[in-house]
Amino acid sequence: MREFVLTLHLRLHDSITALRRAHAVGDDDLATAQAGEVEDLVEIAARHGIDIAGYAALSPTG
């Protein structure tokens, strides 16, 4: 389970970074796709009881 949690956190970090980058360059399609991925990862975390509260304060635009 530890590896799953670590992978989920890494994917969240990468997705939020990519979302910010997409916003920065004005790529609305990529931003929409990345926002969907972040939402999916948050849902997965919730289903498995994984604490991702530290990501709640992160803004998609940095």
C-alpha atoms as a PDB file:
ATOM      1  CA  MET A   1       0.000   0.000   0.000  1.00  0.00           C
ATOM      2  CA  ARG A   2       2.903   2.342   0.705  1.00  0.00           C
ATOM      3  CA  GLU A   3       4.028   2.244  -2.918  1.00  0.00           C
ATOM      4  CA  PHE A   4       0.468   2.976  -4.062  1.00  0.00           C
ATOM      5  CA  VAL A   5       0.260   6.025  -1.797  1.00  0.00           C
ATOM      6  CA  LEU A   6       3.653   7.299  -2.957  1.00  0.00           C
ATOM      7  CA  THR A   7       2.710   6.831  -6.619  1.00  0.00           C
ATOM      8  CA  LEU A   8      -0.599   8.619  -6.089  1.00  0.00           C
ATOM      9  CA  HIS A   9       1.142  11.575  -4.430  1.00  0.00           C
ATOM     10  CA  LEU A  10       3.705  11.762  -7.222  1.00  0.00           C
ATOM     11  CA  ARG A  11       1.007  11.665  -9.884  1.00  0.00           C
ATOM     12  CA  LEU A  12      -0.916  14.411  -8.088  1.00  0.00           C
ATOM     13  CA  HIS A  13       2.201  16.570  -7.906  1.00  0.00           C
ATOM     14  CA  ASP A  14       2.979  16.002 -11.591  1.00  0.00           C
ATOM     15  CA  SER A  15      -0.610  16.679 -12.643  1.00  0.00           C
ATOM     16  CA  ILE A  16      -0.840  19.907 -10.670  1.00  0.00           C
ATOM     17  CA  THR A  17       2.505  21.027 -12.098  1.00  0.00           C
ATOM     18  CA  ALA A  18       1.318  20.253 -15.635  1.00  0.00           C
ATOM     19  CA  LEU A  19      -1.977  22.056 -14.956  1.00  0.00           C
ATOM     20  CA  ARG A  20      -0.115  25.174 -13.825  1.00  0.00           C
ATOM     21  CA  ARG A  21       2.142  24.993 -16.866  1.00  0.00           C
ATOM     22  CA  ALA A  22      -0.857  24.676 -19.196  1.00  0.00           C
ATOM     23  CA  HIS A  23      -2.473  27.724 -17.583  1.00  0.00           C
ATOM     24  CA  ALA A  24       0.774  29.670 -17.875  1.00  0.00           C
ATOM     25  CA  VAL A  25       1.047  29.106 -21.625  1.00  0.00           C
ATOM     26  CA  GLY A  26      -2.677  29.554 -22.242  1.00  0.00           C
ATOM     27  CA  ASP A  27      -3.355  25.984 -23.392  1.00  0.00           C
ATOM     28  CA  ASP A  28      -6.976  25.630 -22.320  1.00  0.00           C
ATOM     29  CA  ASP A  29      -7.409  22.135 -23.779  1.00  0.00           C
ATOM     30  CA  LEU A  30      -4.417  20.774 -21.893  1.00  0.00           C
ATOM     31  CA  ALA A  31      -5.510  22.585 -18.731  1.00  0.00           C
ATOM     32  CA  THR A  32      -8.926  20.955 -18.981  1.00  0.00           C
ATOM     33  CA  ALA A  33      -7.384  17.528 -19.464  1.00  0.00           C
ATOM     34  CA  GLN A  34      -5.011  18.013 -16.530  1.00  0.00           C
ATOM     35  CA  ALA A  35      -7.825  19.273 -14.295  1.00  0.00           C
ATOM     36  CA  GLY A  36      -9.728  16.091 -15.116  1.00  0.00           C
ATOM     37  CA  GLU A  37      -6.731  13.990 -14.177  1.00  0.00           C
ATOM     38  CA  VAL A  38      -6.371  15.826 -10.853  1.00  0.00           C
ATOM     39  CA  GLU A  39     -10.074  15.234 -10.145  1.00  0.00           C
ATOM     40  CA  ASP A  40      -9.694  11.536 -10.937  1.00  0.00           C
ATOM     41  CA  LEU A  41      -6.677  11.214  -8.638  1.00  0.00           C
ATOM     42  CA  VAL A  42      -8.516  13.001  -5.815  1.00  0.00           C
ATOM     43  CA  GLU A  43     -11.410  10.571  -6.238  1.00  0.00           C
ATOM     44  CA  ILE A  44      -9.048   7.586  -6.136  1.00  0.00           C
ATOM     45  CA  ALA A  45      -7.437   8.932  -2.977  1.00  0.00           C
ATOM     46  CA  ALA A  46     -10.831   9.414  -1.331  1.00  0.00           C
ATOM     47  CA  ARG A  47     -11.929   5.874  -2.194  1.00  0.00           C
ATOM     48  CA  HIS A  48      -8.811   4.458  -0.562  1.00  0.00           C
ATOM     49  CA  GLY A  49      -8.781   6.765   2.463  1.00  0.00           C
ATOM     50  CA  ILE A  50      -5.528   8.457   1.459  1.00  0.00           C
ATOM     51  CA  ASP A  51      -4.891  11.851   3.030  1.00  0.00           C
ATOM     52  CA  ILE A  52      -4.215  14.470   0.376  1.00  0.00           C
ATOM     53  CA  ALA A  53      -5.170  17.486   2.491  1.00  0.00           C
ATOM     54  CA  GLY A  54      -1.806  19.087   1.777  1.00  0.00           C
ATOM     55  CA  TYR A  55      -2.866  19.563  -1.836  1.00  0.00           C
ATOM     56  CA  ALA A  56      -6.063  21.428  -0.927  1.00  0.00           C
ATOM     57  CA  ALA A  57      -4.238  24.736  -0.546  1.00  0.00           C
ATOM     58  CA  LEU A  58      -2.610  24.477  -3.966  1.00  0.00           C
ATOM     59  CA  SER A  59      -4.033  26.703  -6.633  1.00  0.00           C
ATOM     60  CA  PRO A  60      -4.114  25.360 -10.191  1.00  0.00           C
ATOM     61  CA  THR A  61      -2.490  28.571 -11.363  1.00  0.00           C
ATOM     62  CA  GLY A  62       0.246  28.654  -8.749  1.00  0.00           C
END
